Amino acid sequence: MNPEVTAFFDDATNTVSFLIKDPDSPACAIVDSVLDFNYSTGHTDTKSADKIVAYVHDHGLSVEWLLESHVHADHLSAAPYLQERLGGKIGIGANISIVQNTFGKVFNEGTAFQRDGSQFDQLFQEGDRISIGNLEVEVLHTPGHTPACMTYVVGDAAFVGDTLFMPDFGTARCDFPGGSADDLYASIQKILSLPDETRIFVGHDYKAPGRDKFAWETTVAEEKQSNVHIGGGKDAKTFVEMRQKRDSELDLPKLIVPSIQVNMRAGHMPEPDSNGQVYLKVPVNAL
C-alpha cells in the first residue's frame, strides 16, 4: 500500500513538514513539524502547526505518530503542541542519546537533563517497523548529518529528512558535532538501494540556482542519476572530499542555538527558572 502525502512548507525556515495518510482509513502521521520562533523577541507562534491541525480536523483524520527525522538545527519542533491537540506518539532515532550527551555538555545542562531519550515516546532502531493504520513503516538508520538521523519508508515513499535534498541542490552538511561525511555517503547508498520508483520526500528546499519554484518530491532514480553531490555513481572518496570542503565554508543555521536546546527535549522548552520564566542559553564561542 502506498501513502497519500500532503506537504506543508514553512517559508521562514525552508522546512517541509509531511502528513502521511493511510488511503484506506483516517490514520495518519506527521513528519518534522515546525514551531515558529522569533529569535529577536524570543516569542513562539503556532501558525505553521495550526495549518496542520486545521487540515487534520477538516479531513477527519486520526494522528498516530509524530515522527522526527532527527534533532533539527534550523527550526523548533512543534511535536508537543500537535500531540496536545491531535494525539499521537513522538518518535525519533535511538541515537538521540548521543546528541543529548554532546549538546548537554555544550549547554551545560547538568544532571537534571536526561540523556537517555526518555523525553520521546518511541526510540527507533534500524529495521524497526510501525504502522499508520494499514500502512507499514520501515525505519532506516541513516546517520551522517547527525548520529540520530532516520529515514521512514512507507510503501513507495521515503521521508529522508535532511540526508538528501532535491537533485539540483545536493546533500546534507556533516559538520555538526557527531556528523560524518563517510557515514552520510553510506546512508545515501542505503536510500538509493530502494526501488528506482520510490518517491523521495526531502525535509528542506532552498531553490537551487535556475529553479523558480520550491520542490520537495523526487525519486530514487532521479537522485541516482542527477544529484549534484552524489549522482552518477560518485565514489566515497570524491564525495567525502567535496562534502568536507563545502561544509568548511558554510555558516551555522540561524536558529541552531534555540533549536538544539528544544529539539533534544522532544520539542519541549527547558524547565522554567526560579522566577517562572523559560530561558534558552547562548554558549559564547562554543559552536
C-alpha atoms as a PDB file:
ATOM      1  CA  MET A   1       0.000   0.000   0.000  1.00  0.00           C
ATOM      2  CA  ASN A   2       1.176   3.491  -0.836  1.00  0.00           C
ATOM      3  CA  PRO A   3       0.502   6.541   1.319  1.00  0.00           C
ATOM      4  CA  GLU A   4      -1.244   9.775   0.465  1.00  0.00           C
ATOM      5  CA  VAL A   5       1.230  12.585   1.191  1.00  0.00           C
ATOM      6  CA  THR A   6       0.418  16.227   1.915  1.00  0.00           C
ATOM      7  CA  ALA A   7       3.226  18.768   2.297  1.00  0.00           C
ATOM      8  CA  PHE A   8       3.303  21.919   4.430  1.00  0.00           C
ATOM      9  CA  PHE A   9       6.108  24.346   3.513  1.00  0.00           C
ATOM     10  CA  ASP A  10       7.443  26.813   6.085  1.00  0.00           C
ATOM     11  CA  ASP A  11       8.866  29.852   4.300  1.00  0.00           C
ATOM     12  CA  ALA A  12      10.780  31.162   7.321  1.00  0.00           C
ATOM     13  CA  THR A  13      12.959  28.034   7.678  1.00  0.00           C
ATOM     14  CA  ASN A  14      12.536  26.377   4.252  1.00  0.00           C
ATOM     15  CA  THR A  15      11.278  23.302   6.097  1.00  0.00           C
ATOM     16  CA  VAL A  16       8.796  20.837   4.626  1.00  0.00           C
ATOM     17  CA  SER A  17       6.531  19.002   7.060  1.00  0.00           C
ATOM     18  CA  PHE A  18       4.638  15.996   5.742  1.00  0.00           C
ATOM     19  CA  LEU A  19       1.327  14.394   6.611  1.00  0.00           C
ATOM     20  CA  ILE A  20       1.307  10.699   5.690  1.00  0.00           C
ATOM     21  CA  LYS A  21      -2.183   9.210   5.359  1.00  0.00           C
ATOM     22  CA  ASP A  22      -3.354   5.630   5.072  1.00  0.00           C
ATOM     23  CA  PRO A  23      -5.567   5.665   1.934  1.00  0.00           C
ATOM     24  CA  ASP A  24      -7.977   3.163   3.483  1.00  0.00           C
ATOM     25  CA  SER A  25      -8.557   4.774   6.888  1.00  0.00           C
ATOM     26  CA  PRO A  26      -8.357   8.126   8.714  1.00  0.00           C
ATOM     27  CA  ALA A  27      -4.992   7.153  10.237  1.00  0.00           C
ATOM     28  CA  CYS A  28      -2.064   9.463   9.576  1.00  0.00           C
ATOM     29  CA  ALA A  29       1.366  10.520  10.798  1.00  0.00           C
ATOM     30  CA  ILE A  30       3.126  13.899  10.793  1.00  0.00           C
ATOM     31  CA  VAL A  31       6.828  14.205   9.970  1.00  0.00           C
ATOM     32  CA  ASP A  32       9.078  17.119  11.063  1.00  0.00           C
ATOM     33  CA  SER A  33       6.616  19.736  12.257  1.00  0.00           C
ATOM     34  CA  VAL A  34       7.601  23.390  12.826  1.00  0.00           C
ATOM     35  CA  LEU A  35       7.061  25.707  15.795  1.00  0.00           C
ATOM     36  CA  ASP A  36       7.511  29.301  14.653  1.00  0.00           C
ATOM     37  CA  PHE A  37      10.162  31.201  16.627  1.00  0.00           C
ATOM     38  CA  ASN A  38      11.237  34.841  16.516  1.00  0.00           C
ATOM     39  CA  TYR A  39      14.829  34.898  17.754  1.00  0.00           C
ATOM     40  CA  SER A  40      14.809  38.699  18.120  1.00  0.00           C
ATOM     41  CA  THR A  41      11.972  38.680  20.639  1.00  0.00           C
ATOM     42  CA  GLY A  42      12.093  35.120  21.964  1.00  0.00           C
ATOM     43  CA  HIS A  43       8.431  34.675  21.027  1.00  0.00           C
ATOM     44  CA  THR A  44       6.970  31.423  19.725  1.00  0.00           C
ATOM     45  CA  ASP A  45       3.974  31.105  17.438  1.00  0.00           C
ATOM     46  CA  THR A  46       1.909  28.171  16.200  1.00  0.00           C
ATOM     47  CA  LYS A  47       0.744  29.438  12.805  1.00  0.00           C
ATOM     48  CA  SER A  48       2.638  26.752  10.891  1.00  0.00           C
ATOM     49  CA  ALA A  49       1.487  23.952  13.189  1.00  0.00           C
ATOM     50  CA  ASP A  50      -2.091  25.240  13.173  1.00  0.00           C
ATOM     51  CA  LYS A  51      -2.269  24.699   9.412  1.00  0.00           C
ATOM     52  CA  ILE A  52      -1.653  21.008  10.071  1.00  0.00           C
ATOM     53  CA  VAL A  53      -4.153  20.958  12.938  1.00  0.00           C
ATOM     54  CA  ALA A  54      -6.798  22.507  10.688  1.00  0.00           C
ATOM     55  CA  TYR A  55      -6.087  20.013   7.901  1.00  0.00           C
ATOM     56  CA  VAL A  56      -6.409  17.063  10.287  1.00  0.00           C
ATOM     57  CA  HIS A  57      -9.693  18.363  11.667  1.00  0.00           C
ATOM     58  CA  ASP A  58     -11.120  19.325   8.265  1.00  0.00           C
ATOM     59  CA  HIS A  59     -10.425  15.854   6.864  1.00  0.00           C
ATOM     60  CA  GLY A  60     -11.469  13.879   9.946  1.00  0.00           C
ATOM     61  CA  LEU A  61      -8.047  12.304  10.390  1.00  0.00           C
ATOM     62  CA  SER A  62      -6.561  10.446  13.343  1.00  0.00           C
ATOM     63  CA  VAL A  63      -2.892  11.139  14.157  1.00  0.00           C
ATOM     64  CA  GLU A  64      -0.999   8.042  15.296  1.00  0.00           C
ATOM     65  CA  TRP A  65       2.603   9.246  15.060  1.00  0.00           C
ATOM     66  CA  LEU A  66       4.591  12.478  15.275  1.00  0.00           C
ATOM     67  CA  LEU A  67       7.867  11.469  13.655  1.00  0.00           C
ATOM     68  CA  GLU A  68      11.152  13.358  13.804  1.00  0.00           C
ATOM     69  CA  SER A  69      13.790  12.553  11.197  1.00  0.00           C
ATOM     70  CA  HIS A  70      16.497  13.933  13.539  1.00  0.00           C
ATOM     71  CA  VAL A  71      17.269  16.714  16.021  1.00  0.00           C
ATOM     72  CA  HIS A  72      16.867  19.716  13.753  1.00  0.00           C
ATOM     73  CA  ALA A  73      19.274  22.642  13.949  1.00  0.00           C
ATOM     74  CA  ASP A  74      17.274  25.067  11.821  1.00  0.00           C
ATOM     75  CA  HIS A  75      13.793  25.053  13.314  1.00  0.00           C
ATOM     76  CA  LEU A  76      11.976  24.179  16.529  1.00  0.00           C
ATOM     77  CA  SER A  77       9.721  21.129  16.578  1.00  0.00           C
ATOM     78  CA  ALA A  78       6.002  21.590  17.215  1.00  0.00           C
ATOM     79  CA  ALA A  79       5.533  17.930  18.209  1.00  0.00           C
ATOM     80  CA  PRO A  80       4.355  18.587  21.810  1.00  0.00           C
ATOM     81  CA  TYR A  81       1.880  21.216  20.614  1.00  0.00           C
ATOM     82  CA  LEU A  82       0.486  18.851  17.982  1.00  0.00           C
ATOM     83  CA  GLN A  83       0.402  15.957  20.439  1.00  0.00           C
ATOM     84  CA  GLU A  84      -1.666  18.013  22.870  1.00  0.00           C
ATOM     85  CA  ARG A  85      -4.202  18.862  20.164  1.00  0.00           C
ATOM     86  CA  LEU A  86      -4.156  15.795  17.950  1.00  0.00           C
ATOM     87  CA  GLY A  87      -2.626  12.916  19.912  1.00  0.00           C
ATOM     88  CA  GLY A  88      -0.012  10.543  18.534  1.00  0.00           C
ATOM     89  CA  LYS A  89       3.333   9.260  19.788  1.00  0.00           C
ATOM     90  CA  ILE A  90       6.544  11.248  19.303  1.00  0.00           C
ATOM     91  CA  GLY A  91       9.293   9.106  17.770  1.00  0.00           C
ATOM     92  CA  ILE A  92      12.961   9.600  16.854  1.00  0.00           C
ATOM     93  CA  GLY A  93      16.099   7.515  16.335  1.00  0.00           C
ATOM     94  CA  ALA A  94      17.611   5.800  19.375  1.00  0.00           C
ATOM     95  CA  ASN A  95      20.898   7.630  18.839  1.00  0.00           C
ATOM     96  CA  ILE A  96      19.202  10.721  20.213  1.00  0.00           C
ATOM     97  CA  SER A  97      21.123   9.825  23.383  1.00  0.00           C
ATOM     98  CA  ILE A  98      24.389  10.620  21.557  1.00  0.00           C
ATOM     99  CA  VAL A  99      23.031  14.015  20.528  1.00  0.00           C
ATOM    100  CA  GLN A 100      21.792  14.673  24.059  1.00  0.00           C
ATOM    101  CA  ASN A 101      25.160  13.766  25.557  1.00  0.00           C
ATOM    102  CA  THR A 102      27.011  16.001  23.110  1.00  0.00           C
ATOM    103  CA  PHE A 103      24.820  19.059  23.428  1.00  0.00           C
ATOM    104  CA  GLY A 104      24.056  18.506  27.089  1.00  0.00           C
ATOM    105  CA  LYS A 105      27.710  19.388  27.607  1.00  0.00           C
ATOM    106  CA  VAL A 106      27.643  22.310  25.163  1.00  0.00           C
ATOM    107  CA  PHE A 107      24.716  23.876  27.020  1.00  0.00           C
ATOM    108  CA  ASN A 108      25.903  22.746  30.480  1.00  0.00           C
ATOM    109  CA  GLU A 109      22.527  21.153  31.173  1.00  0.00           C
ATOM    110  CA  GLY A 110      23.518  19.411  34.406  1.00  0.00           C
ATOM    111  CA  THR A 111      22.165  16.167  35.814  1.00  0.00           C
ATOM    112  CA  ALA A 112      18.507  17.193  35.661  1.00  0.00           C
ATOM    113  CA  PHE A 113      18.570  16.839  31.881  1.00  0.00           C
ATOM    114  CA  GLN A 114      18.019  13.178  30.991  1.00  0.00           C
ATOM    115  CA  ARG A 115      20.299  11.913  28.232  1.00  0.00           C
ATOM    116  CA  ASP A 116      18.522   8.613  27.522  1.00  0.00           C
ATOM    117  CA  GLY A 117      15.875   9.772  25.040  1.00  0.00           C
ATOM    118  CA  SER A 118      13.132   9.403  27.637  1.00  0.00           C
ATOM    119  CA  GLN A 119      11.568  12.717  26.524  1.00  0.00           C
ATOM    120  CA  PHE A 120      10.313  10.848  23.448  1.00  0.00           C
ATOM    121  CA  ASP A 121       7.574   8.214  23.350  1.00  0.00           C
ATOM    122  CA  GLN A 122       9.422   5.864  20.984  1.00  0.00           C
ATOM    123  CA  LEU A 123      13.085   5.389  20.062  1.00  0.00           C
ATOM    124  CA  PHE A 124      13.697   3.650  16.749  1.00  0.00           C
ATOM    125  CA  GLN A 125      16.423   1.234  15.716  1.00  0.00           C
ATOM    126  CA  GLU A 126      17.426   0.155  12.212  1.00  0.00           C
ATOM    127  CA  GLY A 127      14.784  -2.177  10.781  1.00  0.00           C
ATOM    128  CA  ASP A 128      12.018  -1.318  13.241  1.00  0.00           C
ATOM    129  CA  ARG A 129       8.513  -1.440  11.816  1.00  0.00           C
ATOM    130  CA  ILE A 130       5.482   0.547  12.926  1.00  0.00           C
ATOM    131  CA  SER A 131       2.007   1.045  11.488  1.00  0.00           C
ATOM    132  CA  ILE A 132      -0.047   4.001  10.334  1.00  0.00           C
ATOM    133  CA  GLY A 133      -3.453   2.400  10.091  1.00  0.00           C
ATOM    134  CA  ASN A 134      -2.954  -0.309   7.470  1.00  0.00           C
ATOM    135  CA  LEU A 135       0.335   1.158   6.262  1.00  0.00           C
ATOM    136  CA  GLU A 136       3.604  -0.399   7.371  1.00  0.00           C
ATOM    137  CA  VAL A 137       6.542   1.894   8.053  1.00  0.00           C
ATOM    138  CA  GLU A 138      10.097   0.571   7.880  1.00  0.00           C
ATOM    139  CA  VAL A 139      12.650   2.624   9.794  1.00  0.00           C
ATOM    140  CA  LEU A 140      16.166   3.027   8.378  1.00  0.00           C
ATOM    141  CA  HIS A 141      19.064   4.458  10.381  1.00  0.00           C
ATOM    142  CA  THR A 142      20.727   6.983   8.044  1.00  0.00           C
ATOM    143  CA  PRO A 143      23.349   8.890  10.072  1.00  0.00           C
ATOM    144  CA  GLY A 144      25.870  11.392   8.745  1.00  0.00           C
ATOM    145  CA  HIS A 145      24.103  14.723   9.070  1.00  0.00           C
ATOM    146  CA  THR A 146      23.584  13.772  12.729  1.00  0.00           C
ATOM    147  CA  PRO A 147      24.070  10.448  14.564  1.00  0.00           C
ATOM    148  CA  ALA A 148      20.317  10.027  15.070  1.00  0.00           C
ATOM    149  CA  CYS A 149      19.025  10.630  11.529  1.00  0.00           C
ATOM    150  CA  MET A 150      16.306   8.241  10.403  1.00  0.00           C
ATOM    151  CA  THR A 151      14.534   7.626   7.104  1.00  0.00           C
ATOM    152  CA  TYR A 152      10.921   6.447   7.195  1.00  0.00           C
ATOM    153  CA  VAL A 153       9.940   4.186   4.277  1.00  0.00           C
ATOM    154  CA  VAL A 154       6.177   3.893   3.772  1.00  0.00           C
ATOM    155  CA  GLY A 155       5.129   1.891   0.731  1.00  0.00           C
ATOM    156  CA  ASP A 156       6.576   3.653  -2.311  1.00  0.00           C
ATOM    157  CA  ALA A 157       7.598   6.746  -0.299  1.00  0.00           C
ATOM    158  CA  ALA A 158      10.731   7.536   1.723  1.00  0.00           C
ATOM    159  CA  PHE A 159      10.950  10.509   4.061  1.00  0.00           C
ATOM    160  CA  VAL A 160      14.659  11.278   4.280  1.00  0.00           C
ATOM    161  CA  GLY A 161      14.826  14.396   6.463  1.00  0.00           C
ATOM    162  CA  ASP A 162      17.993  16.362   5.655  1.00  0.00           C
ATOM    163  CA  THR A 163      20.040  13.425   4.321  1.00  0.00           C
ATOM    164  CA  LEU A 164      19.211  14.197   0.690  1.00  0.00           C
ATOM    165  CA  PHE A 165      17.849  17.327  -0.954  1.00  0.00           C
ATOM    166  CA  MET A 166      16.425  17.788  -4.440  1.00  0.00           C
ATOM    167  CA  PRO A 167      18.841  16.533  -7.116  1.00  0.00           C
ATOM    168  CA  ASP A 168      19.828  20.074  -8.144  1.00  0.00           C
ATOM    169  CA  PHE A 169      20.715  21.031  -4.556  1.00  0.00           C
ATOM    170  CA  GLY A 170      22.596  18.007  -3.250  1.00  0.00           C
ATOM    171  CA  THR A 171      23.059  16.550   0.212  1.00  0.00           C
ATOM    172  CA  ALA A 172      23.158  17.387   3.917  1.00  0.00           C
ATOM    173  CA  ARG A 173      26.027  19.066   5.730  1.00  0.00           C
ATOM    174  CA  CYS A 174      28.042  16.874   8.093  1.00  0.00           C
ATOM    175  CA  ASP A 175      29.983  19.372  10.233  1.00  0.00           C
ATOM    176  CA  PHE A 176      27.731  19.415  13.298  1.00  0.00           C
ATOM    177  CA  PRO A 177      29.085  17.547  16.354  1.00  0.00           C
ATOM    178  CA  GLY A 178      28.657  13.824  15.664  1.00  0.00           C
ATOM    179  CA  GLY A 179      28.302  14.323  11.914  1.00  0.00           C
ATOM    180  CA  SER A 180      30.314  12.298   9.408  1.00  0.00           C
ATOM    181  CA  ALA A 181      30.653  12.598   5.630  1.00  0.00           C
ATOM    182  CA  ASP A 182      31.695   8.933   5.454  1.00  0.00           C
ATOM    183  CA  ASP A 183      28.546   7.918   7.332  1.00  0.00           C
ATOM    184  CA  LEU A 184      26.432  10.150   5.125  1.00  0.00           C
ATOM    185  CA  TYR A 185      27.785   8.505   1.976  1.00  0.00           C
ATOM    186  CA  ALA A 186      26.906   5.056   3.336  1.00  0.00           C
ATOM    187  CA  SER A 187      23.446   6.245   4.403  1.00  0.00           C
ATOM    188  CA  ILE A 188      22.726   7.705   0.986  1.00  0.00           C
ATOM    189  CA  GLN A 189      23.723   4.432  -0.661  1.00  0.00           C
ATOM    190  CA  LYS A 190      21.229   2.681   1.616  1.00  0.00           C
ATOM    191  CA  ILE A 191      18.471   5.040   0.480  1.00  0.00           C
ATOM    192  CA  LEU A 192      19.467   4.753  -3.174  1.00  0.00           C
ATOM    193  CA  SER A 193      19.247   0.949  -2.925  1.00  0.00           C
ATOM    194  CA  LEU A 194      15.468   1.302  -2.636  1.00  0.00           C
ATOM    195  CA  PRO A 195      13.499   0.672  -5.860  1.00  0.00           C
ATOM    196  CA  ASP A 196      14.092   3.342  -8.512  1.00  0.00           C
ATOM    197  CA  GLU A 197      10.435   4.378  -8.489  1.00  0.00           C
ATOM    198  CA  THR A 198      10.457   5.123  -4.759  1.00  0.00           C
ATOM    199  CA  ARG A 199       9.273   8.642  -4.097  1.00  0.00           C
ATOM    200  CA  ILE A 200      11.800  10.660  -2.075  1.00  0.00           C
ATOM    201  CA  PHE A 201      10.408  13.419   0.151  1.00  0.00           C
ATOM    202  CA  VAL A 202      13.089  15.855   1.334  1.00  0.00           C
ATOM    203  CA  GLY A 203      12.932  17.891   4.536  1.00  0.00           C
ATOM    204  CA  HIS A 204      14.068  21.239   3.124  1.00  0.00           C
ATOM    205  CA  ASP A 205      14.279  23.093  -0.150  1.00  0.00           C
ATOM    206  CA  TYR A 206      16.171  26.283  -0.970  1.00  0.00           C
ATOM    207  CA  LYS A 207      15.522  26.567  -4.725  1.00  0.00           C
ATOM    208  CA  ALA A 208      18.774  25.786  -6.488  1.00  0.00           C
ATOM    209  CA  PRO A 209      20.012  28.456  -8.934  1.00  0.00           C
ATOM    210  CA  GLY A 210      17.900  28.475 -12.065  1.00  0.00           C
ATOM    211  CA  ARG A 211      14.828  26.914 -10.432  1.00  0.00           C
ATOM    212  CA  ASP A 212      11.817  29.179  -9.884  1.00  0.00           C
ATOM    213  CA  LYS A 213       9.669  27.043  -7.581  1.00  0.00           C
ATOM    214  CA  PHE A 214      10.201  25.230  -4.311  1.00  0.00           C
ATOM    215  CA  ALA A 215      10.112  21.448  -4.621  1.00  0.00           C
ATOM    216  CA  TRP A 216      10.338  18.539  -2.214  1.00  0.00           C
ATOM    217  CA  GLU A 217       9.450  15.357  -4.115  1.00  0.00           C
ATOM    218  CA  THR A 218      11.781  13.403  -6.372  1.00  0.00           C
ATOM    219  CA  THR A 219      12.612   9.695  -6.903  1.00  0.00           C
ATOM    220  CA  VAL A 220      15.450   7.311  -6.183  1.00  0.00           C
ATOM    221  CA  ALA A 221      16.155   7.103  -9.928  1.00  0.00           C
ATOM    222  CA  GLU A 222      16.402  10.878 -10.260  1.00  0.00           C
ATOM    223  CA  GLU A 223      18.702  11.145  -7.247  1.00  0.00           C
ATOM    224  CA  LYS A 224      20.976   8.382  -8.533  1.00  0.00           C
ATOM    225  CA  GLN A 225      21.232   9.960 -11.944  1.00  0.00           C
ATOM    226  CA  SER A 226      21.222  13.694 -11.279  1.00  0.00           C
ATOM    227  CA  ASN A 227      22.052  14.608  -7.669  1.00  0.00           C
ATOM    228  CA  VAL A 228      24.803  17.211  -7.976  1.00  0.00           C
ATOM    229  CA  HIS A 229      26.735  15.799  -4.997  1.00  0.00           C
ATOM    230  CA  ILE A 230      26.200  12.051  -5.215  1.00  0.00           C
ATOM    231  CA  GLY A 231      24.653  11.256  -8.608  1.00  0.00           C
ATOM    232  CA  GLY A 232      26.316   9.479 -11.470  1.00  0.00           C
ATOM    233  CA  GLY A 233      27.933   6.888  -9.244  1.00  0.00           C
ATOM    234  CA  LYS A 234      30.359   9.176  -7.423  1.00  0.00           C
ATOM    235  CA  ASP A 235      32.722   7.197  -5.204  1.00  0.00           C
ATOM    236  CA  ALA A 236      33.060   7.672  -1.460  1.00  0.00           C
ATOM    237  CA  LYS A 237      36.430   9.457  -1.585  1.00  0.00           C
ATOM    238  CA  THR A 238      35.212  12.058  -4.081  1.00  0.00           C
ATOM    239  CA  PHE A 239      32.029  12.661  -2.127  1.00  0.00           C
ATOM    240  CA  VAL A 240      33.722  12.969   1.279  1.00  0.00           C
ATOM    241  CA  GLU A 241      36.316  15.420  -0.035  1.00  0.00           C
ATOM    242  CA  MET A 242      33.598  17.548  -1.642  1.00  0.00           C
ATOM    243  CA  ARG A 243      31.381  17.451   1.440  1.00  0.00           C
ATOM    244  CA  GLN A 244      34.144  18.369   3.881  1.00  0.00           C
ATOM    245  CA  LYS A 245      35.335  21.282   1.734  1.00  0.00           C
ATOM    246  CA  ARG A 246      31.802  22.573   1.263  1.00  0.00           C
ATOM    247  CA  ASP A 247      30.970  22.268   4.956  1.00  0.00           C
ATOM    248  CA  SER A 248      34.050  24.286   5.926  1.00  0.00           C
ATOM    249  CA  GLU A 249      32.594  27.242   4.003  1.00  0.00           C
ATOM    250  CA  LEU A 250      29.068  27.150   5.455  1.00  0.00           C
ATOM    251  CA  ASP A 251      27.671  29.380   8.183  1.00  0.00           C
ATOM    252  CA  LEU A 252      25.781  27.747  11.031  1.00  0.00           C
ATOM    253  CA  PRO A 253      21.965  27.828  10.810  1.00  0.00           C
ATOM    254  CA  LYS A 254      20.480  30.994  12.321  1.00  0.00           C
ATOM    255  CA  LEU A 255      18.314  29.061  14.782  1.00  0.00           C
ATOM    256  CA  ILE A 256      20.802  26.368  15.800  1.00  0.00           C
ATOM    257  CA  VAL A 257      21.118  27.602  19.414  1.00  0.00           C
ATOM    258  CA  PRO A 258      17.406  27.571  20.318  1.00  0.00           C
ATOM    259  CA  SER A 259      16.576  24.648  18.027  1.00  0.00           C
ATOM    260  CA  ILE A 260      19.009  22.166  19.533  1.00  0.00           C
ATOM    261  CA  GLN A 261      18.041  23.004  23.116  1.00  0.00           C
ATOM    262  CA  VAL A 262      14.346  22.497  22.367  1.00  0.00           C
ATOM    263  CA  ASN A 263      14.508  19.608  19.903  1.00  0.00           C
ATOM    264  CA  MET A 264      16.759  17.408  22.035  1.00  0.00           C
ATOM    265  CA  ARG A 265      13.913  17.647  24.558  1.00  0.00           C
ATOM    266  CA  ALA A 266      11.368  16.339  22.016  1.00  0.00           C
ATOM    267  CA  GLY A 267      10.184  19.877  21.312  1.00  0.00           C
ATOM    268  CA  HIS A 268       9.729  20.886  24.932  1.00  0.00           C
ATOM    269  CA  MET A 269      11.232  24.057  26.355  1.00  0.00           C
ATOM    270  CA  PRO A 270      13.757  23.842  29.209  1.00  0.00           C
ATOM    271  CA  GLU A 271      12.331  23.933  32.718  1.00  0.00           C
ATOM    272  CA  PRO A 272      11.423  27.458  33.913  1.00  0.00           C
ATOM    273  CA  ASP A 273      13.916  29.298  36.088  1.00  0.00           C
ATOM    274  CA  SER A 274      13.187  30.185  39.723  1.00  0.00           C
ATOM    275  CA  ASN A 275      11.159  33.202  38.562  1.00  0.00           C
ATOM    276  CA  GLY A 276       8.907  31.055  36.399  1.00  0.00           C
ATOM    277  CA  GLN A 277      10.433  32.311  33.148  1.00  0.00           C
ATOM    278  CA  VAL A 278      11.806  29.932  30.496  1.00  0.00           C
ATOM    279  CA  TYR A 279      15.289  30.777  29.225  1.00  0.00           C
ATOM    280  CA  LEU A 280      17.415  29.490  26.353  1.00  0.00           C
ATOM    281  CA  LYS A 281      21.196  29.660  26.717  1.00  0.00           C
ATOM    282  CA  VAL A 282      23.651  31.115  24.225  1.00  0.00           C
ATOM    283  CA  PRO A 283      27.053  29.431  24.666  1.00  0.00           C
ATOM    284  CA  VAL A 284      29.729  32.003  23.789  1.00  0.00           C
ATOM    285  CA  ASN A 285      32.452  30.736  21.426  1.00  0.00           C
ATOM    286  CA  ALA A 286      31.327  27.118  21.879  1.00  0.00           C
ATOM    287  CA  LEU A 287      29.853  26.277  18.452  1.00  0.00           C
END
